């Protein structure tokens, strides 16, 4: 019987060892934070540190219609979608439209230009071209005096390729 009691004490010690499992659960909760890439910041932390944010200049040259999927862009604009929206990279950014609409772009590995365009597209995908007063993305503005944690979205009526097409249509209309 003494041989039987020895394994029981091992089992008892294992049961007593279960009290150490809650720290393992805490590790699980911590695992989520590790899924973000190194060098990617929370925008609130950048605000506390006073770190300046740079916006990718490529956003101004896209001539992207906000009610069309970003995947419809052609090269070389399409290759810009993979670039980080900001330097240093952030996990999320609020995108504010002058009329009051606000959308949030998120990516734990750093918000890319595509992430920002996808967030905007999600709001406008059901709108027809004639419903939008300014359907072309002109770029983003960061006004740290107004709000450090969001960008202002600027749109315009016409992009660079569109005037050429309208010019052709205008010529056809003159011929008729």
N, C-alpha and C. Protein backbone atom coordinates (compact mmCIF):
# COMPACT_ATOMS: atom_id res chain seq x y z
N UNK A 1 0.81 -1.20 0.00
CA UNK A 1 0.00 0.00 0.00
C UNK A 1 0.85 1.25 0.00
N UNK A 2 1.99 1.17 0.57
CA UNK A 2 2.84 2.35 0.59
C UNK A 2 3.24 2.74 -0.84
N UNK A 3 3.32 1.74 -1.74
CA UNK A 3 3.64 2.04 -3.14
C UNK A 3 2.47 2.79 -3.78
N UNK A 4 1.21 2.44 -3.38
CA UNK A 4 0.05 3.12 -3.94
C UNK A 4 -0.05 4.56 -3.43
N UNK A 5 0.36 4.79 -2.21
CA UNK A 5 0.24 6.15 -1.68
C UNK A 5 1.26 7.09 -2.31
N UNK A 6 2.37 6.57 -2.77
CA UNK A 6 3.38 7.44 -3.39
C UNK A 6 2.84 8.08 -4.67
N UNK A 7 2.22 7.30 -5.59
CA UNK A 7 1.66 7.95 -6.78
C UNK A 7 0.56 8.95 -6.43
N UNK A 8 -0.20 8.65 -5.37
CA UNK A 8 -1.25 9.59 -4.99
C UNK A 8 -0.67 10.93 -4.55
N UNK A 9 0.44 10.90 -3.87
CA UNK A 9 1.03 12.17 -3.47
C UNK A 9 1.50 12.94 -4.70
N UNK A 10 1.96 12.21 -5.73
CA UNK A 10 2.34 12.90 -6.96
C UNK A 10 1.11 13.53 -7.61
N UNK A 11 0.01 12.80 -7.63
CA UNK A 11 -1.24 13.34 -8.19
C UNK A 11 -1.68 14.54 -7.38
N UNK A 12 -1.57 14.42 -6.03
CA UNK A 12 -1.95 15.54 -5.18
C UNK A 12 -1.07 16.75 -5.48
N UNK A 13 0.21 16.51 -5.68
CA UNK A 13 1.09 17.64 -5.95
C UNK A 13 0.75 18.25 -7.31
N UNK A 14 0.31 17.42 -8.26
CA UNK A 14 -0.08 17.94 -9.57
C UNK A 14 -1.33 18.80 -9.44
N UNK A 15 -2.25 18.35 -8.61
CA UNK A 15 -3.47 19.13 -8.39
C UNK A 15 -3.12 20.44 -7.71
N UNK A 16 -2.20 20.37 -6.75
CA UNK A 16 -1.77 21.59 -6.09
C UNK A 16 -1.06 22.51 -7.09
N UNK A 17 -0.41 21.92 -8.08
CA UNK A 17 0.30 22.71 -9.09
C UNK A 17 -0.65 23.46 -10.01
N UNK A 18 -1.94 23.08 -10.05
CA UNK A 18 -2.90 23.76 -10.91
C UNK A 18 -3.07 25.22 -10.52
N UNK A 19 -2.76 25.54 -9.30
CA UNK A 19 -2.89 26.94 -8.90
C UNK A 19 -1.95 27.84 -9.72
N UNK A 20 -0.97 27.24 -10.38
CA UNK A 20 -0.07 28.04 -11.21
C UNK A 20 -0.65 28.27 -12.61
N UNK A 21 -1.79 27.65 -12.95
CA UNK A 21 -2.35 27.82 -14.28
C UNK A 21 -2.95 29.21 -14.54
N UNK A 22 -3.48 29.93 -13.56
CA UNK A 22 -3.96 31.28 -13.89
C UNK A 22 -2.91 32.19 -14.52
N UNK A 23 -1.64 32.14 -14.12
CA UNK A 23 -0.67 32.95 -14.85
C UNK A 23 -0.58 32.56 -16.33
N UNK A 24 -0.78 31.24 -16.65
CA UNK A 24 -0.77 30.83 -18.04
C UNK A 24 -1.93 31.51 -18.79
N UNK A 25 -3.08 31.64 -18.17
CA UNK A 25 -4.20 32.35 -18.79
C UNK A 25 -3.84 33.81 -19.01
N UNK A 26 -3.13 34.38 -18.08
CA UNK A 26 -2.70 35.76 -18.24
C UNK A 26 -1.77 35.87 -19.44
N UNK A 27 -0.96 34.83 -19.66
CA UNK A 27 -0.09 34.81 -20.82
C UNK A 27 -0.93 34.79 -22.09
N UNK A 28 -2.03 34.01 -22.09
CA UNK A 28 -2.91 33.98 -23.25
C UNK A 28 -3.46 35.37 -23.55
N UNK A 29 -3.89 36.07 -22.54
CA UNK A 29 -4.39 37.43 -22.73
C UNK A 29 -3.32 38.34 -23.28
N UNK A 30 -2.09 38.09 -22.93
CA UNK A 30 -0.96 38.92 -23.38
C UNK A 30 -0.58 38.58 -24.82
N UNK A 31 -0.90 37.37 -25.25
CA UNK A 31 -0.51 36.92 -26.58
C UNK A 31 -1.09 37.83 -27.66
N UNK A 32 -2.26 38.37 -27.44
CA UNK A 32 -2.89 39.22 -28.43
C UNK A 32 -2.02 40.44 -28.75
N UNK A 33 -1.42 41.01 -27.77
CA UNK A 33 -0.57 42.19 -27.99
C UNK A 33 0.65 41.82 -28.81
N UNK A 34 1.12 40.60 -28.68
CA UNK A 34 2.32 40.21 -29.41
C UNK A 34 2.04 40.00 -30.89
N UNK A 35 0.76 39.93 -31.29
CA UNK A 35 0.44 39.74 -32.70
C UNK A 35 0.71 41.02 -33.49
N UNK A 36 0.84 42.13 -32.81
CA UNK A 36 1.20 43.35 -33.53
C UNK A 36 2.70 43.32 -33.80
N UNK A 37 3.08 43.89 -34.92
CA UNK A 37 4.48 43.85 -35.33
C UNK A 37 5.32 44.80 -34.48
N UNK A 38 6.59 44.48 -34.38
CA UNK A 38 7.50 45.35 -33.64
C UNK A 38 7.65 46.66 -34.40
N UNK A 39 7.72 47.75 -33.68
CA UNK A 39 7.88 49.04 -34.32
C UNK A 39 6.58 49.68 -34.77
N UNK A 40 5.44 49.06 -34.43
CA UNK A 40 4.14 49.63 -34.76
C UNK A 40 3.58 50.23 -33.48
N UNK A 41 3.14 51.48 -33.55
CA UNK A 41 2.79 52.22 -32.35
C UNK A 41 1.29 52.44 -32.22
N UNK A 42 0.89 52.66 -30.97
CA UNK A 42 -0.46 53.13 -30.69
C UNK A 42 -0.40 54.64 -30.85
N UNK A 43 -1.34 55.20 -31.59
CA UNK A 43 -1.28 56.63 -31.89
C UNK A 43 -1.36 57.47 -30.61
N UNK A 44 -2.05 56.96 -29.59
CA UNK A 44 -2.13 57.69 -28.32
C UNK A 44 -0.76 57.80 -27.66
N UNK A 45 0.05 56.74 -27.79
CA UNK A 45 1.41 56.78 -27.24
C UNK A 45 2.26 57.81 -27.98
N UNK A 46 2.08 57.89 -29.30
CA UNK A 46 2.84 58.88 -30.08
C UNK A 46 2.45 60.29 -29.66
N UNK A 47 1.16 60.47 -29.34
CA UNK A 47 0.70 61.79 -28.90
C UNK A 47 1.36 62.16 -27.57
N UNK A 48 1.41 61.20 -26.64
CA UNK A 48 2.04 61.47 -25.33
C UNK A 48 3.51 61.82 -25.49
N UNK A 49 4.19 61.13 -26.41
CA UNK A 49 5.61 61.37 -26.62
C UNK A 49 5.85 62.62 -27.47
N UNK A 50 4.80 63.08 -28.17
CA UNK A 50 4.96 64.24 -29.05
C UNK A 50 5.66 63.89 -30.35
N UNK A 51 5.59 62.62 -30.76
CA UNK A 51 6.24 62.17 -31.99
C UNK A 51 5.47 62.67 -33.21
N UNK A 52 6.18 63.30 -34.14
CA UNK A 52 5.56 63.78 -35.38
C UNK A 52 5.20 62.60 -36.27
N UNK A 53 4.08 62.74 -36.99
CA UNK A 53 3.61 61.69 -37.90
C UNK A 53 3.74 62.21 -39.33
N UNK A 54 4.27 61.38 -40.20
CA UNK A 54 4.36 61.71 -41.62
C UNK A 54 3.34 60.85 -42.37
N UNK A 55 2.60 61.45 -43.30
CA UNK A 55 1.63 60.71 -44.12
C UNK A 55 2.29 60.38 -45.45
N UNK A 56 2.06 59.17 -45.93
CA UNK A 56 2.63 58.76 -47.22
C UNK A 56 2.13 59.67 -48.33
N UNK A 57 3.05 60.21 -49.10
CA UNK A 57 2.70 61.15 -50.19
C UNK A 57 1.95 60.46 -51.32
N UNK A 58 2.10 59.14 -51.43
CA UNK A 58 1.44 58.40 -52.51
C UNK A 58 -0.08 58.53 -52.48
N UNK A 59 -0.65 58.85 -51.31
CA UNK A 59 -2.10 58.95 -51.19
C UNK A 59 -2.65 60.09 -52.05
N UNK A 60 -1.85 61.09 -52.34
CA UNK A 60 -2.32 62.24 -53.11
C UNK A 60 -2.34 61.96 -54.61
N UNK A 61 -1.66 60.91 -55.04
CA UNK A 61 -1.53 60.64 -56.48
C UNK A 61 -2.39 59.48 -56.94
N UNK A 62 -3.23 58.95 -56.09
CA UNK A 62 -3.97 57.73 -56.43
C UNK A 62 -5.11 57.97 -57.42
N UNK A 63 -5.76 59.14 -57.36
CA UNK A 63 -6.95 59.41 -58.17
C UNK A 63 -7.97 58.28 -58.04
N UNK A 64 -8.24 57.91 -56.81
CA UNK A 64 -9.10 56.79 -56.49
C UNK A 64 -10.51 57.28 -56.18
N UNK A 65 -11.51 56.64 -56.80
CA UNK A 65 -12.91 56.95 -56.53
C UNK A 65 -13.32 56.24 -55.24
N UNK A 66 -13.84 57.01 -54.27
CA UNK A 66 -14.09 56.46 -52.94
C UNK A 66 -15.22 55.42 -52.93
N UNK A 67 -16.01 55.33 -54.02
CA UNK A 67 -17.07 54.31 -54.06
C UNK A 67 -16.66 53.10 -54.90
N UNK A 68 -15.39 53.01 -55.28
CA UNK A 68 -14.86 51.87 -56.02
C UNK A 68 -13.83 51.15 -55.15
N UNK A 69 -13.77 49.83 -55.30
CA UNK A 69 -12.84 49.05 -54.50
C UNK A 69 -11.39 49.47 -54.80
N UNK A 70 -10.56 49.57 -53.75
CA UNK A 70 -9.14 49.89 -53.99
C UNK A 70 -8.46 48.87 -54.90
N UNK A 71 -9.00 47.66 -54.96
CA UNK A 71 -8.41 46.62 -55.80
C UNK A 71 -8.54 46.94 -57.29
N UNK A 72 -9.41 47.88 -57.65
CA UNK A 72 -9.60 48.24 -59.06
C UNK A 72 -8.51 49.19 -59.56
N UNK A 73 -7.67 49.70 -58.68
CA UNK A 73 -6.58 50.59 -59.10
C UNK A 73 -5.61 49.84 -60.01
N UNK A 74 -5.04 50.56 -60.97
CA UNK A 74 -4.05 49.97 -61.87
C UNK A 74 -2.65 50.34 -61.39
N UNK A 75 -1.65 49.69 -61.97
CA UNK A 75 -0.27 50.05 -61.65
C UNK A 75 0.01 51.43 -62.23
N UNK A 76 0.83 52.27 -61.68
CA UNK A 76 1.67 52.03 -60.51
C UNK A 76 0.96 52.32 -59.19
N UNK A 77 -0.29 52.83 -59.26
CA UNK A 77 -1.00 53.18 -58.03
C UNK A 77 -1.23 51.96 -57.14
N UNK A 78 -1.51 50.80 -57.76
CA UNK A 78 -1.82 49.60 -56.98
C UNK A 78 -0.64 49.19 -56.09
N UNK A 79 0.58 49.38 -56.56
CA UNK A 79 1.74 48.99 -55.75
C UNK A 79 1.88 49.88 -54.51
N UNK A 80 1.30 51.09 -54.55
CA UNK A 80 1.37 51.99 -53.39
C UNK A 80 0.48 51.51 -52.25
N UNK A 81 -0.49 50.66 -52.54
CA UNK A 81 -1.43 50.20 -51.51
C UNK A 81 -0.74 49.45 -50.38
N UNK A 82 0.37 48.80 -50.67
CA UNK A 82 1.07 48.00 -49.64
C UNK A 82 1.90 48.86 -48.70
N UNK A 83 2.13 50.11 -49.05
CA UNK A 83 2.97 50.98 -48.22
C UNK A 83 2.24 51.41 -46.95
N UNK A 84 3.02 51.68 -45.92
CA UNK A 84 2.45 52.16 -44.67
C UNK A 84 1.86 53.56 -44.89
N UNK A 85 0.70 53.79 -44.28
CA UNK A 85 0.06 55.10 -44.41
C UNK A 85 0.86 56.16 -43.67
N UNK A 86 1.45 55.76 -42.55
CA UNK A 86 2.15 56.74 -41.71
C UNK A 86 3.57 56.29 -41.40
N UNK A 87 4.38 57.26 -41.07
CA UNK A 87 5.71 57.00 -40.52
C UNK A 87 5.79 57.77 -39.21
N UNK A 88 5.98 57.15 -38.07
CA UNK A 88 6.07 55.72 -37.83
C UNK A 88 4.72 55.02 -38.00
N UNK A 89 4.73 53.70 -38.27
CA UNK A 89 3.48 52.96 -38.47
C UNK A 89 2.62 52.96 -37.20
N UNK A 90 1.30 53.03 -37.39
CA UNK A 90 0.36 53.01 -36.26
C UNK A 90 -0.60 51.83 -36.42
N UNK A 91 -1.20 51.41 -35.29
CA UNK A 91 -2.12 50.28 -35.29
C UNK A 91 -3.50 50.67 -35.80
N UNK A 92 -3.89 51.93 -35.54
CA UNK A 92 -5.19 52.39 -36.02
C UNK A 92 -5.17 53.90 -36.15
N UNK A 93 -6.00 54.37 -37.08
CA UNK A 93 -6.11 55.81 -37.28
C UNK A 93 -7.55 56.14 -37.65
N UNK A 94 -8.07 57.21 -37.07
CA UNK A 94 -9.40 57.68 -37.43
C UNK A 94 -9.28 58.59 -38.63
N UNK A 95 -10.18 58.40 -39.60
CA UNK A 95 -10.20 59.22 -40.81
C UNK A 95 -11.47 60.05 -40.79
N UNK A 96 -11.30 61.36 -40.71
CA UNK A 96 -12.43 62.27 -40.52
C UNK A 96 -12.74 63.02 -41.81
N UNK A 97 -14.00 62.96 -42.23
CA UNK A 97 -14.42 63.72 -43.41
C UNK A 97 -14.94 65.08 -42.95
N UNK A 98 -14.71 66.13 -43.74
CA UNK A 98 -15.13 67.47 -43.33
C UNK A 98 -16.62 67.59 -42.98
N UNK A 99 -17.49 66.77 -43.56
CA UNK A 99 -18.92 66.86 -43.25
C UNK A 99 -19.29 66.12 -41.97
N UNK A 100 -18.32 65.50 -41.31
CA UNK A 100 -18.59 64.89 -40.00
C UNK A 100 -18.44 63.39 -39.94
N UNK A 101 -18.47 62.69 -41.08
CA UNK A 101 -18.32 61.24 -41.06
C UNK A 101 -16.92 60.87 -40.61
N UNK A 102 -16.82 59.80 -39.81
CA UNK A 102 -15.52 59.35 -39.35
C UNK A 102 -15.44 57.84 -39.48
N UNK A 103 -14.38 57.34 -40.08
CA UNK A 103 -14.14 55.91 -40.20
C UNK A 103 -12.78 55.61 -39.58
N UNK A 104 -12.58 54.36 -39.20
CA UNK A 104 -11.32 53.97 -38.56
C UNK A 104 -10.65 52.88 -39.37
N UNK A 105 -9.38 53.07 -39.67
CA UNK A 105 -8.57 52.06 -40.35
C UNK A 105 -7.71 51.38 -39.29
N UNK A 106 -7.73 50.04 -39.29
CA UNK A 106 -6.98 49.29 -38.28
C UNK A 106 -6.13 48.21 -38.94
N UNK A 107 -4.94 47.99 -38.36
CA UNK A 107 -4.08 46.87 -38.75
C UNK A 107 -3.00 46.77 -37.68
N UNK A 108 -2.99 45.66 -36.95
CA UNK A 108 -2.02 45.51 -35.86
C UNK A 108 -0.58 45.49 -36.36
N UNK A 109 -0.40 45.20 -37.64
CA UNK A 109 0.96 45.19 -38.20
C UNK A 109 1.32 46.53 -38.82
N UNK A 110 0.45 47.52 -38.67
CA UNK A 110 0.68 48.85 -39.22
C UNK A 110 -0.34 49.16 -40.30
N UNK A 111 -1.04 50.27 -40.19
CA UNK A 111 -2.07 50.64 -41.15
C UNK A 111 -1.41 50.98 -42.49
N UNK A 112 -1.83 50.27 -43.54
CA UNK A 112 -1.31 50.54 -44.87
C UNK A 112 -2.27 51.48 -45.59
N UNK A 113 -1.84 51.96 -46.76
CA UNK A 113 -2.72 52.82 -47.56
C UNK A 113 -3.98 52.04 -47.92
N UNK A 114 -3.83 50.76 -48.23
CA UNK A 114 -5.00 49.93 -48.58
C UNK A 114 -5.97 49.82 -47.41
N UNK A 115 -5.47 49.69 -46.19
CA UNK A 115 -6.35 49.62 -45.01
C UNK A 115 -7.20 50.89 -44.92
N UNK A 116 -6.59 52.03 -45.15
CA UNK A 116 -7.32 53.30 -45.09
C UNK A 116 -8.36 53.38 -46.20
N UNK A 117 -7.97 52.98 -47.42
CA UNK A 117 -8.91 53.02 -48.54
C UNK A 117 -10.06 52.04 -48.34
N UNK A 118 -9.75 50.86 -47.80
CA UNK A 118 -10.81 49.88 -47.52
C UNK A 118 -11.82 50.43 -46.52
N UNK A 119 -11.35 51.12 -45.49
CA UNK A 119 -12.25 51.69 -44.48
C UNK A 119 -13.15 52.75 -45.12
N UNK A 120 -12.60 53.56 -46.01
CA UNK A 120 -13.38 54.60 -46.69
C UNK A 120 -14.37 53.94 -47.66
N UNK A 121 -13.88 52.98 -48.44
CA UNK A 121 -14.71 52.29 -49.42
C UNK A 121 -15.92 51.62 -48.76
N UNK A 122 -15.72 51.06 -47.59
CA UNK A 122 -16.80 50.38 -46.88
C UNK A 122 -17.97 51.33 -46.63
N UNK A 123 -17.68 52.61 -46.41
CA UNK A 123 -18.73 53.61 -46.17
C UNK A 123 -19.43 54.05 -47.46
N UNK A 124 -18.72 54.05 -48.57
CA UNK A 124 -19.25 54.65 -49.79
C UNK A 124 -19.55 53.66 -50.91
N UNK A 125 -19.36 52.35 -50.69
CA UNK A 125 -19.49 51.40 -51.79
C UNK A 125 -20.89 51.33 -52.39
N UNK A 126 -21.91 51.68 -51.63
CA UNK A 126 -23.28 51.61 -52.14
C UNK A 126 -23.75 52.91 -52.77
N UNK A 127 -22.90 53.91 -52.79
CA UNK A 127 -23.27 55.20 -53.38
C UNK A 127 -22.95 55.20 -54.87
N UNK A 128 -23.86 55.76 -55.65
CA UNK A 128 -23.60 55.93 -57.08
C UNK A 128 -22.71 57.14 -57.29
N UNK A 129 -22.05 57.20 -58.45
CA UNK A 129 -21.15 58.31 -58.75
C UNK A 129 -21.85 59.66 -58.64
N UNK A 130 -23.09 59.73 -59.12
CA UNK A 130 -23.78 61.03 -59.10
C UNK A 130 -24.28 61.42 -57.71
N UNK A 131 -24.24 60.50 -56.76
CA UNK A 131 -24.63 60.82 -55.38
C UNK A 131 -23.49 61.50 -54.61
N UNK A 132 -22.28 61.35 -55.11
CA UNK A 132 -21.11 61.89 -54.41
C UNK A 132 -20.71 63.22 -55.03
N UNK A 133 -20.64 64.24 -54.19
CA UNK A 133 -20.24 65.56 -54.67
C UNK A 133 -18.76 65.59 -55.03
N UNK A 134 -17.94 64.98 -54.19
CA UNK A 134 -16.49 64.93 -54.42
C UNK A 134 -16.04 63.47 -54.32
N UNK A 135 -16.09 62.72 -55.42
CA UNK A 135 -15.84 61.27 -55.36
C UNK A 135 -14.38 60.83 -55.43
N UNK A 136 -13.44 61.74 -55.64
CA UNK A 136 -12.04 61.36 -55.82
C UNK A 136 -11.23 61.73 -54.58
N UNK A 137 -10.45 60.77 -54.07
CA UNK A 137 -9.59 61.03 -52.92
C UNK A 137 -8.46 61.96 -53.32
N UNK A 138 -8.32 63.06 -52.59
CA UNK A 138 -7.25 64.01 -52.87
C UNK A 138 -6.06 63.78 -51.93
N UNK A 139 -6.30 63.16 -50.78
CA UNK A 139 -5.22 62.90 -49.83
C UNK A 139 -5.70 63.08 -48.40
N UNK A 140 -4.76 62.96 -47.48
CA UNK A 140 -5.06 63.08 -46.06
C UNK A 140 -4.27 64.25 -45.48
N UNK A 141 -4.83 64.83 -44.43
CA UNK A 141 -4.15 65.92 -43.73
C UNK A 141 -4.11 65.60 -42.26
N UNK A 142 -2.97 65.86 -41.63
CA UNK A 142 -2.85 65.67 -40.20
C UNK A 142 -2.73 67.04 -39.56
N UNK A 143 -3.75 67.41 -38.80
CA UNK A 143 -3.75 68.70 -38.10
C UNK A 143 -3.59 68.41 -36.61
N UNK A 144 -2.34 68.41 -36.15
CA UNK A 144 -2.09 68.02 -34.76
C UNK A 144 -2.68 69.00 -33.76
N UNK A 145 -2.90 70.25 -34.17
CA UNK A 145 -3.52 71.22 -33.25
C UNK A 145 -5.00 70.87 -33.02
N UNK A 146 -5.67 70.43 -34.08
CA UNK A 146 -7.09 70.10 -33.94
C UNK A 146 -7.29 68.76 -33.23
N UNK A 147 -6.68 67.71 -33.78
CA UNK A 147 -6.77 66.39 -33.15
C UNK A 147 -5.59 65.54 -33.59
N UNK A 148 -4.78 65.11 -32.64
CA UNK A 148 -3.56 64.38 -32.91
C UNK A 148 -3.85 63.00 -33.49
N UNK A 149 -4.96 62.39 -33.08
CA UNK A 149 -5.19 60.97 -33.38
C UNK A 149 -6.04 60.72 -34.61
N UNK A 150 -6.27 61.74 -35.44
CA UNK A 150 -7.04 61.47 -36.66
C UNK A 150 -6.53 62.30 -37.83
N UNK A 151 -6.82 61.79 -39.00
CA UNK A 151 -6.47 62.49 -40.24
C UNK A 151 -7.74 63.04 -40.86
N UNK A 152 -7.62 64.18 -41.52
CA UNK A 152 -8.73 64.76 -42.25
C UNK A 152 -8.63 64.24 -43.68
N UNK A 153 -9.74 63.72 -44.21
CA UNK A 153 -9.77 63.18 -45.55
C UNK A 153 -10.20 64.30 -46.50
N UNK A 154 -9.41 64.53 -47.54
CA UNK A 154 -9.76 65.52 -48.55
C UNK A 154 -10.14 64.82 -49.84
N UNK A 155 -11.24 65.27 -50.42
CA UNK A 155 -11.70 64.72 -51.69
C UNK A 155 -11.84 65.85 -52.69
N UNK A 156 -11.86 65.49 -53.98
CA UNK A 156 -12.01 66.49 -55.04
C UNK A 156 -13.02 65.98 -56.07
N UNK A 157 -13.48 66.90 -56.91
CA UNK A 157 -14.49 66.52 -57.90
C UNK A 157 -13.92 65.69 -59.02
N UNK A 158 -12.71 66.00 -59.48
CA UNK A 158 -12.14 65.30 -60.63
C UNK A 158 -10.72 64.87 -60.33
N UNK A 159 -10.39 63.67 -60.84
CA UNK A 159 -9.02 63.21 -60.73
C UNK A 159 -8.29 63.52 -62.02
N UNK A 160 -7.02 63.22 -62.08
CA UNK A 160 -6.22 63.53 -63.27
C UNK A 160 -6.70 62.79 -64.52
N UNK A 161 -7.02 61.49 -64.47
CA UNK A 161 -7.43 60.82 -65.70
C UNK A 161 -8.80 61.27 -66.21
N UNK A 162 -9.71 61.65 -65.31
CA UNK A 162 -11.08 61.93 -65.70
C UNK A 162 -11.23 63.11 -66.67
N UNK A 163 -10.51 64.22 -66.52
CA UNK A 163 -10.72 65.33 -67.46
C UNK A 163 -10.47 64.92 -68.91
N UNK A 164 -9.51 64.02 -69.16
CA UNK A 164 -9.24 63.56 -70.52
C UNK A 164 -10.48 62.87 -71.08
N UNK A 165 -11.07 61.99 -70.29
CA UNK A 165 -12.26 61.27 -70.74
C UNK A 165 -13.40 62.24 -70.99
N UNK A 166 -13.60 63.19 -70.09
CA UNK A 166 -14.67 64.16 -70.26
C UNK A 166 -14.42 65.03 -71.49
N UNK A 167 -13.16 65.32 -71.77
CA UNK A 167 -12.80 66.10 -72.95
C UNK A 167 -13.21 65.35 -74.21
N UNK A 168 -12.98 64.05 -74.25
CA UNK A 168 -13.37 63.24 -75.41
C UNK A 168 -14.88 63.23 -75.55
N UNK A 169 -15.58 63.05 -74.43
CA UNK A 169 -17.04 63.03 -74.49
C UNK A 169 -17.56 64.39 -74.97
N UNK A 170 -16.92 65.46 -74.53
CA UNK A 170 -17.33 66.79 -74.94
C UNK A 170 -17.14 66.98 -76.45
N UNK A 171 -16.06 66.43 -76.98
CA UNK A 171 -15.81 66.52 -78.41
C UNK A 171 -16.86 65.73 -79.18
N UNK A 172 -17.20 64.55 -78.67
CA UNK A 172 -18.23 63.75 -79.34
C UNK A 172 -19.55 64.49 -79.33
N UNK A 173 -19.86 65.15 -78.22
CA UNK A 173 -21.11 65.91 -78.11
C UNK A 173 -21.14 67.06 -79.10
N UNK A 174 -19.98 67.69 -79.34
CA UNK A 174 -19.91 68.80 -80.30
C UNK A 174 -20.15 68.30 -81.72
N UNK A 175 -19.66 67.07 -82.02
CA UNK A 175 -19.82 66.52 -83.37
C UNK A 175 -21.26 66.17 -83.64
N UNK A 176 -22.00 65.74 -82.65
CA UNK A 176 -23.39 65.38 -82.85
C UNK A 176 -24.18 66.64 -82.99
